[in-house]
């Protein structure tokens, strides 16, 4: 909604909670997780997979995102870019 109104505010995790509460809760847990465990537990890269009309599509959150694992050091960036 913020983006549609052309507001300068960034979309936040709290904004996401209104639309997708379980996803927001999972991101919050990721941010609170022990940094050393992140990569081995979530096993994600900087890309998002979604389905449109039955076809699975992939979107990289940043350049070369499919080759960048989410770690304890970059998890905040991952959540920010995903949101």
PDB file of N, CA and C in Angstrom:
ATOM      1  N   UNK A   1       0.827  -1.191   0.000  1.00  0.00           N
ATOM      2  CA  UNK A   1       0.000   0.000   0.000  1.00  0.00           C
ATOM      3  C   UNK A   1       0.870   1.252   0.000  1.00  0.00           C
ATOM      4  N   UNK A   2       1.955   1.198   0.769  1.00  0.00           N
ATOM      5  CA  UNK A   2       2.867   2.343   0.801  1.00  0.00           C
ATOM      6  C   UNK A   2       3.427   2.640  -0.591  1.00  0.00           C
ATOM      7  N   UNK A   3       3.793   1.584  -1.300  1.00  0.00           N
ATOM      8  CA  UNK A   3       4.353   1.775  -2.631  1.00  0.00           C
ATOM      9  C   UNK A   3       3.320   2.354  -3.593  1.00  0.00           C
ATOM     10  N   UNK A   4       2.082   1.903  -3.478  1.00  0.00           N
ATOM     11  CA  UNK A   4       1.024   2.421  -4.345  1.00  0.00           C
ATOM     12  C   UNK A   4       0.758   3.897  -4.079  1.00  0.00           C
ATOM     13  N   UNK A   5       0.894   4.296  -2.825  1.00  0.00           N
ATOM     14  CA  UNK A   5       0.685   5.701  -2.465  1.00  0.00           C
ATOM     15  C   UNK A   5       1.911   6.557  -2.752  1.00  0.00           C
ATOM     16  N   UNK A   6       2.980   5.902  -3.231  1.00  0.00           N
ATOM     17  CA  UNK A   6       4.220   6.589  -3.576  1.00  0.00           C
ATOM     18  C   UNK A   6       4.832   7.295  -2.371  1.00  0.00           C
ATOM     19  N   UNK A   7       4.722   6.652  -1.219  1.00  0.00           N
ATOM     20  CA  UNK A   7       5.340   7.194  -0.024  1.00  0.00           C
ATOM     21  C   UNK A   7       6.823   6.877  -0.028  1.00  0.00           C
ATOM     22  N   UNK A   8       7.595   7.716   0.630  1.00  0.00           N
ATOM     23  CA  UNK A   8       9.040   7.527   0.676  1.00  0.00           C
ATOM     24  C   UNK A   8       9.462   6.476   1.699  1.00  0.00           C
ATOM     25  N   UNK A   9       8.529   6.022   2.512  1.00  0.00           N
ATOM     26  CA  UNK A   9       8.864   5.048   3.541  1.00  0.00           C
ATOM     27  C   UNK A   9       9.187   3.691   2.930  1.00  0.00           C
ATOM     28  N   UNK A  10      10.117   2.990   3.567  1.00  0.00           N
ATOM     29  CA  UNK A  10      10.442   1.631   3.155  1.00  0.00           C
ATOM     30  C   UNK A  10       9.350   0.687   3.653  1.00  0.00           C
ATOM     31  N   UNK A  11       9.088  -0.337   2.886  1.00  0.00           N
ATOM     32  CA  UNK A  11       8.193  -1.385   3.331  1.00  0.00           C
ATOM     33  C   UNK A  11       8.966  -2.196   4.364  1.00  0.00           C
ATOM     34  N   UNK A  12       8.317  -2.495   5.499  1.00  0.00           N
ATOM     35  CA  UNK A  12       9.002  -3.147   6.606  1.00  0.00           C
ATOM     36  C   UNK A  12       8.411  -4.523   6.897  1.00  0.00           C
ATOM     37  N   UNK A  13       9.069  -5.207   7.796  1.00  0.00           N
ATOM     38  CA  UNK A  13       8.591  -6.504   8.251  1.00  0.00           C
ATOM     39  C   UNK A  13       7.222  -6.367   8.914  1.00  0.00           C
ATOM     40  N   UNK A  14       6.987  -5.278   9.614  1.00  0.00           N
ATOM     41  CA  UNK A  14       5.667  -5.037  10.213  1.00  0.00           C
ATOM     42  C   UNK A  14       4.593  -4.894   9.140  1.00  0.00           C
ATOM     43  N   UNK A  15       4.928  -4.285   8.019  1.00  0.00           N
ATOM     44  CA  UNK A  15       3.975  -4.174   6.913  1.00  0.00           C
ATOM     45  C   UNK A  15       3.646  -5.555   6.356  1.00  0.00           C
ATOM     46  N   UNK A  16       4.670  -6.386   6.229  1.00  0.00           N
ATOM     47  CA  UNK A  16       4.487  -7.737   5.707  1.00  0.00           C
ATOM     48  C   UNK A  16       3.595  -8.560   6.625  1.00  0.00           C
ATOM     49  N   UNK A  17       3.702  -8.318   7.923  1.00  0.00           N
ATOM     50  CA  UNK A  17       2.915  -9.066   8.902  1.00  0.00           C
ATOM     51  C   UNK A  17       1.416  -8.939   8.637  1.00  0.00           C
ATOM     52  N   UNK A  18       0.983  -7.789   8.134  1.00  0.00           N
ATOM     53  CA  UNK A  18      -0.429  -7.588   7.836  1.00  0.00           C
ATOM     54  C   UNK A  18      -0.933  -8.459   6.702  1.00  0.00           C
ATOM     55  N   UNK A  19      -0.079  -8.755   5.742  1.00  0.00           N
ATOM     56  CA  UNK A  19      -0.471  -9.558   4.583  1.00  0.00           C
ATOM     57  C   UNK A  19      -0.152 -11.040   4.751  1.00  0.00           C
ATOM     58  N   UNK A  20       1.035 -11.316   5.258  1.00  0.00           N
ATOM     59  CA  UNK A  20       1.514 -12.699   5.385  1.00  0.00           C
ATOM     60  C   UNK A  20       2.085 -12.908   6.787  1.00  0.00           C
ATOM     61  N   UNK A  21       1.219 -13.093   7.778  1.00  0.00           N
ATOM     62  CA  UNK A  21       1.711 -13.187   9.157  1.00  0.00           C
ATOM     63  C   UNK A  21       2.701 -14.320   9.386  1.00  0.00           C
ATOM     64  N   UNK A  22       2.495 -15.473   8.786  1.00  0.00           N
ATOM     65  CA  UNK A  22       3.417 -16.584   9.033  1.00  0.00           C
ATOM     66  C   UNK A  22       4.782 -16.319   8.399  1.00  0.00           C
ATOM     67  N   UNK A  23       4.829 -15.699   7.231  1.00  0.00           N
ATOM     68  CA  UNK A  23       6.101 -15.355   6.597  1.00  0.00           C
ATOM     69  C   UNK A  23       6.847 -14.332   7.447  1.00  0.00           C
ATOM     70  N   UNK A  24       6.140 -13.334   7.936  1.00  0.00           N
ATOM     71  CA  UNK A  24       6.769 -12.324   8.796  1.00  0.00           C
ATOM     72  C   UNK A  24       7.301 -12.970  10.068  1.00  0.00           C
ATOM     73  N   UNK A  25       6.563 -13.900  10.633  1.00  0.00           N
ATOM     74  CA  UNK A  25       7.006 -14.593  11.838  1.00  0.00           C
ATOM     75  C   UNK A  25       8.261 -15.420  11.559  1.00  0.00           C
ATOM     76  N   UNK A  26       8.311 -16.072  10.400  1.00  0.00           N
ATOM     77  CA  UNK A  26       9.499 -16.848  10.030  1.00  0.00           C
ATOM     78  C   UNK A  26      10.720 -15.950   9.837  1.00  0.00           C
ATOM     79  N   UNK A  27      10.527 -14.789   9.232  1.00  0.00           N
ATOM     80  CA  UNK A  27      11.638 -13.848   9.067  1.00  0.00           C
ATOM     81  C   UNK A  27      12.122 -13.341  10.425  1.00  0.00           C
ATOM     82  N   UNK A  28      11.195 -13.072  11.327  1.00  0.00           N
ATOM     83  CA  UNK A  28      11.574 -12.620  12.660  1.00  0.00           C
ATOM     84  C   UNK A  28      12.406 -13.697  13.356  1.00  0.00           C
ATOM     85  N   UNK A  29      11.987 -14.953  13.228  1.00  0.00           N
ATOM     86  CA  UNK A  29      12.745 -16.060  13.821  1.00  0.00           C
ATOM     87  C   UNK A  29      14.136 -16.157  13.198  1.00  0.00           C
ATOM     88  N   UNK A  30      14.228 -15.950  11.892  1.00  0.00           N
ATOM     89  CA  UNK A  30      15.524 -15.971  11.208  1.00  0.00           C
ATOM     90  C   UNK A  30      16.446 -14.894  11.767  1.00  0.00           C
ATOM     91  N   UNK A  31      15.906 -13.704  11.983  1.00  0.00           N
ATOM     92  CA  UNK A  31      16.716 -12.602  12.489  1.00  0.00           C
ATOM     93  C   UNK A  31      17.156 -12.826  13.936  1.00  0.00           C
ATOM     94  N   UNK A  32      16.395 -13.595  14.685  1.00  0.00           N
ATOM     95  CA  UNK A  32      16.720 -13.860  16.088  1.00  0.00           C
ATOM     96  C   UNK A  32      17.570 -15.120  16.275  1.00  0.00           C
ATOM     97  N   UNK A  33      17.721 -15.884  15.227  1.00  0.00           N
ATOM     98  CA  UNK A  33      18.447 -17.160  15.283  1.00  0.00           C
ATOM     99  C   UNK A  33      19.939 -16.926  15.543  1.00  0.00           C
ATOM    100  N   UNK A  34      20.579 -17.905  16.144  1.00  0.00           N
ATOM    101  CA  UNK A  34      22.019 -17.886  16.354  1.00  0.00           C
ATOM    102  C   UNK A  34      22.702 -17.760  14.982  1.00  0.00           C
ATOM    103  N   UNK A  35      23.569 -16.773  14.831  1.00  0.00           N
ATOM    104  CA  UNK A  35      24.187 -16.465  13.539  1.00  0.00           C
ATOM    105  C   UNK A  35      24.925 -17.650  12.926  1.00  0.00           C
ATOM    106  N   UNK A  36      25.562 -18.467  13.752  1.00  0.00           N
ATOM    107  CA  UNK A  36      26.329 -19.597  13.230  1.00  0.00           C
ATOM    108  C   UNK A  36      25.443 -20.678  12.624  1.00  0.00           C
ATOM    109  N   UNK A  37      24.186 -20.721  13.026  1.00  0.00           N
ATOM    110  CA  UNK A  37      23.280 -21.780  12.571  1.00  0.00           C
ATOM    111  C   UNK A  37      22.505 -21.429  11.295  1.00  0.00           C
ATOM    112  N   UNK A  38      22.488 -20.178  10.916  1.00  0.00           N
ATOM    113  CA  UNK A  38      21.602 -19.718   9.837  1.00  0.00           C
ATOM    114  C   UNK A  38      21.799 -20.502   8.545  1.00  0.00           C
ATOM    115  N   UNK A  39      22.989 -20.554   8.041  1.00  0.00           N
ATOM    116  CA  UNK A  39      23.230 -21.169   6.721  1.00  0.00           C
ATOM    117  C   UNK A  39      22.845 -22.646   6.709  1.00  0.00           C
ATOM    118  N   UNK A  40      23.176 -23.377   7.758  1.00  0.00           N
ATOM    119  CA  UNK A  40      22.887 -24.816   7.777  1.00  0.00           C
ATOM    120  C   UNK A  40      21.417 -25.115   8.047  1.00  0.00           C
ATOM    121  N   UNK A  41      20.719 -24.203   8.706  1.00  0.00           N
ATOM    122  CA  UNK A  41      19.312 -24.447   9.038  1.00  0.00           C
ATOM    123  C   UNK A  41      18.377 -24.057   7.898  1.00  0.00           C
ATOM    124  N   UNK A  42      18.546 -22.856   7.337  1.00  0.00           N
ATOM    125  CA  UNK A  42      17.568 -22.435   6.326  1.00  0.00           C
ATOM    126  C   UNK A  42      17.950 -22.817   4.897  1.00  0.00           C
ATOM    127  N   UNK A  43      19.229 -22.987   4.633  1.00  0.00           N
ATOM    128  CA  UNK A  43      19.708 -23.421   3.312  1.00  0.00           C
ATOM    129  C   UNK A  43      19.005 -22.680   2.169  1.00  0.00           C
ATOM    130  N   UNK A  44      19.113 -21.362   2.168  1.00  0.00           N
ATOM    131  CA  UNK A  44      18.517 -20.506   1.146  1.00  0.00           C
ATOM    132  C   UNK A  44      19.589 -19.678   0.466  1.00  0.00           C
ATOM    133  N   UNK A  45      19.234 -19.193  -0.719  1.00  0.00           N
ATOM    134  CA  UNK A  45      20.075 -18.234  -1.421  1.00  0.00           C
ATOM    135  C   UNK A  45      19.255 -16.966  -1.611  1.00  0.00           C
ATOM    136  N   UNK A  46      19.872 -15.954  -2.182  1.00  0.00           N
ATOM    137  CA  UNK A  46      19.197 -14.672  -2.395  1.00  0.00           C
ATOM    138  C   UNK A  46      18.307 -14.725  -3.637  1.00  0.00           C
ATOM    139  N   UNK A  47      17.357 -15.622  -3.608  1.00  0.00           N
ATOM    140  CA  UNK A  47      16.373 -15.704  -4.680  1.00  0.00           C
ATOM    141  C   UNK A  47      15.043 -16.140  -4.090  1.00  0.00           C
ATOM    142  N   UNK A  48      13.992 -15.837  -4.818  1.00  0.00           N
ATOM    143  CA  UNK A  48      12.633 -16.166  -4.402  1.00  0.00           C
ATOM    144  C   UNK A  48      11.987 -16.977  -5.512  1.00  0.00           C
ATOM    145  N   UNK A  49      11.332 -18.051  -5.134  1.00  0.00           N
ATOM    146  CA  UNK A  49      10.588 -18.856  -6.099  1.00  0.00           C
ATOM    147  C   UNK A  49       9.101 -18.663  -5.828  1.00  0.00           C
ATOM    148  N   UNK A  50       8.335 -18.434  -6.881  1.00  0.00           N
ATOM    149  CA  UNK A  50       6.901 -18.254  -6.739  1.00  0.00           C
ATOM    150  C   UNK A  50       6.202 -18.856  -7.940  1.00  0.00           C
ATOM    151  N   UNK A  51       4.897 -18.995  -7.824  1.00  0.00           N
ATOM    152  CA  UNK A  51       4.124 -19.641  -8.884  1.00  0.00           C
ATOM    153  C   UNK A  51       3.136 -18.650  -9.490  1.00  0.00           C
ATOM    154  N   UNK A  52       3.086 -18.618 -10.821  1.00  0.00           N
ATOM    155  CA  UNK A  52       2.152 -17.772 -11.563  1.00  0.00           C
ATOM    156  C   UNK A  52       1.470 -18.642 -12.606  1.00  0.00           C
ATOM    157  N   UNK A  53       0.162 -18.774 -12.500  1.00  0.00           N
ATOM    158  CA  UNK A  53      -0.623 -19.590 -13.432  1.00  0.00           C
ATOM    159  C   UNK A  53      -0.043 -20.989 -13.597  1.00  0.00           C
ATOM    160  N   UNK A  54       0.369 -21.583 -12.482  1.00  0.00           N
ATOM    161  CA  UNK A  54       0.880 -22.942 -12.499  1.00  0.00           C
ATOM    162  C   UNK A  54       2.334 -23.081 -12.922  1.00  0.00           C
ATOM    163  N   UNK A  55       2.977 -21.977 -13.273  1.00  0.00           N
ATOM    164  CA  UNK A  55       4.380 -22.018 -13.688  1.00  0.00           C
ATOM    165  C   UNK A  55       5.261 -21.467 -12.574  1.00  0.00           C
ATOM    166  N   UNK A  56       6.314 -22.212 -12.214  1.00  0.00           N
ATOM    167  CA  UNK A  56       7.232 -21.753 -11.179  1.00  0.00           C
ATOM    168  C   UNK A  56       8.255 -20.797 -11.781  1.00  0.00           C
ATOM    169  N   UNK A  57       8.370 -19.632 -11.155  1.00  0.00           N
ATOM    170  CA  UNK A  57       9.311 -18.607 -11.592  1.00  0.00           C
ATOM    171  C   UNK A  57      10.293 -18.317 -10.468  1.00  0.00           C
ATOM    172  N   UNK A  58      11.484 -17.892 -10.822  1.00  0.00           N
ATOM    173  CA  UNK A  58      12.505 -17.554  -9.847  1.00  0.00           C
ATOM    174  C   UNK A  58      12.950 -16.119 -10.080  1.00  0.00           C
ATOM    175  N   UNK A  59      13.112 -15.384  -8.977  1.00  0.00           N
ATOM    176  CA  UNK A  59      13.558 -13.996  -9.035  1.00  0.00           C
ATOM    177  C   UNK A  59      14.744 -13.842  -8.095  1.00  0.00           C
ATOM    178  N   UNK A  60      15.862 -13.367  -8.612  1.00  0.00           N
ATOM    179  CA  UNK A  60      17.033 -13.116  -7.778  1.00  0.00           C
ATOM    180  C   UNK A  60      16.865 -11.777  -7.063  1.00  0.00           C
ATOM    181  N   UNK A  61      17.079 -11.780  -5.757  1.00  0.00           N
ATOM    182  CA  UNK A  61      16.917 -10.573  -4.960  1.00  0.00           C
ATOM    183  C   UNK A  61      18.056  -9.581  -5.181  1.00  0.00           C
ATOM    184  N   UNK A  62      19.175 -10.080  -5.661  1.00  0.00           N
ATOM    185  CA  UNK A  62      20.308  -9.225  -6.019  1.00  0.00           C
ATOM    186  C   UNK A  62      21.097  -9.941  -7.101  1.00  0.00           C
ATOM    187  N   UNK A  63      21.990  -9.233  -7.753  1.00  0.00           N
ATOM    188  CA  UNK A  63      22.769  -9.829  -8.834  1.00  0.00           C
ATOM    189  C   UNK A  63      23.501 -11.070  -8.344  1.00  0.00           C
ATOM    190  N   UNK A  64      23.381 -12.145  -9.120  1.00  0.00           N
ATOM    191  CA  UNK A  64      24.011 -13.420  -8.808  1.00  0.00           C
ATOM    192  C   UNK A  64      23.455 -14.040  -7.520  1.00  0.00           C
ATOM    193  N   UNK A  65      22.235 -13.657  -7.170  1.00  0.00           N
ATOM    194  CA  UNK A  65      21.626 -14.097  -5.920  1.00  0.00           C
ATOM    195  C   UNK A  65      21.473 -15.596  -5.778  1.00  0.00           C
ATOM    196  N   UNK A  66      21.325 -16.298  -6.883  1.00  0.00           N
ATOM    197  CA  UNK A  66      21.168 -17.752  -6.802  1.00  0.00           C
ATOM    198  C   UNK A  66      22.447 -18.442  -6.342  1.00  0.00           C
ATOM    199  N   UNK A  67      23.559 -17.713  -6.335  1.00  0.00           N
ATOM    200  CA  UNK A  67      24.842 -18.280  -5.896  1.00  0.00           C
ATOM    201  C   UNK A  67      25.316 -17.719  -4.557  1.00  0.00           C
ATOM    202  N   UNK A  68      24.476 -16.922  -3.906  1.00  0.00           N
ATOM    203  CA  UNK A  68      24.865 -16.319  -2.630  1.00  0.00           C
ATOM    204  C   UNK A  68      24.019 -16.923  -1.518  1.00  0.00           C
ATOM    205  N   UNK A  69      24.618 -17.719  -0.645  1.00  0.00           N
ATOM    206  CA  UNK A  69      23.844 -18.311   0.451  1.00  0.00           C
ATOM    207  C   UNK A  69      23.496 -17.270   1.515  1.00  0.00           C
ATOM    208  N   UNK A  70      22.349 -17.457   2.141  1.00  0.00           N
ATOM    209  CA  UNK A  70      21.971 -16.613   3.269  1.00  0.00           C
ATOM    210  C   UNK A  70      22.739 -17.117   4.489  1.00  0.00           C
ATOM    211  N   UNK A  71      23.435 -16.205   5.142  1.00  0.00           N
ATOM    212  CA  UNK A  71      24.265 -16.545   6.299  1.00  0.00           C
ATOM    213  C   UNK A  71      23.872 -15.657   7.481  1.00  0.00           C
ATOM    214  N   UNK A  72      24.493 -15.907   8.598  1.00  0.00           N
ATOM    215  CA  UNK A  72      24.264 -15.068   9.764  1.00  0.00           C
ATOM    216  C   UNK A  72      24.681 -13.629   9.527  1.00  0.00           C
ATOM    217  N   UNK A  73      25.667 -13.436   8.664  1.00  0.00           N
ATOM    218  CA  UNK A  73      26.167 -12.085   8.389  1.00  0.00           C
ATOM    219  C   UNK A  73      25.288 -11.300   7.417  1.00  0.00           C
ATOM    220  N   UNK A  74      24.593 -11.978   6.508  1.00  0.00           N
ATOM    221  CA  UNK A  74      23.820 -11.240   5.489  1.00  0.00           C
ATOM    222  C   UNK A  74      22.311 -11.454   5.601  1.00  0.00           C
ATOM    223  N   UNK A  75      21.845 -12.069   6.672  1.00  0.00           N
ATOM    224  CA  UNK A  75      20.411 -12.372   6.797  1.00  0.00           C
ATOM    225  C   UNK A  75      19.538 -11.125   6.859  1.00  0.00           C
ATOM    226  N   UNK A  76      20.033 -10.041   7.459  1.00  0.00           N
ATOM    227  CA  UNK A  76      19.239  -8.807   7.502  1.00  0.00           C
ATOM    228  C   UNK A  76      19.030  -8.256   6.087  1.00  0.00           C
ATOM    229  N   UNK A  77      20.053  -8.316   5.273  1.00  0.00           N
ATOM    230  CA  UNK A  77      19.926  -7.870   3.886  1.00  0.00           C
ATOM    231  C   UNK A  77      18.923  -8.746   3.137  1.00  0.00           C
ATOM    232  N   UNK A  78      18.984 -10.050   3.348  1.00  0.00           N
ATOM    233  CA  UNK A  78      18.047 -10.983   2.699  1.00  0.00           C
ATOM    234  C   UNK A  78      16.606 -10.626   3.053  1.00  0.00           C
ATOM    235  N   UNK A  79      16.348 -10.435   4.335  1.00  0.00           N
ATOM    236  CA  UNK A  79      14.982 -10.104   4.762  1.00  0.00           C
ATOM    237  C   UNK A  79      14.557  -8.770   4.181  1.00  0.00           C
ATOM    238  N   UNK A  80      15.426  -7.776   4.224  1.00  0.00           N
ATOM    239  CA  UNK A  80      15.094  -6.441   3.671  1.00  0.00           C
ATOM    240  C   UNK A  80      14.766  -6.521   2.190  1.00  0.00           C
ATOM    241  N   UNK A  81      15.589  -7.237   1.428  1.00  0.00           N
ATOM    242  CA  UNK A  81      15.358  -7.354  -0.009  1.00  0.00           C
ATOM    243  C   UNK A  81      14.098  -8.174  -0.312  1.00  0.00           C
ATOM    244  N   UNK A  82      13.850  -9.199   0.446  1.00  0.00           N
ATOM    245  CA  UNK A  82      12.654 -10.034   0.237  1.00  0.00           C
ATOM    246  C   UNK A  82      11.398  -9.212   0.506  1.00  0.00           C
ATOM    247  N   UNK A  83      11.397  -8.492   1.628  1.00  0.00           N
ATOM    248  CA  UNK A  83      10.234  -7.677   2.005  1.00  0.00           C
ATOM    249  C   UNK A  83      10.011  -6.594   0.969  1.00  0.00           C
TER     250      UNK A  83
END
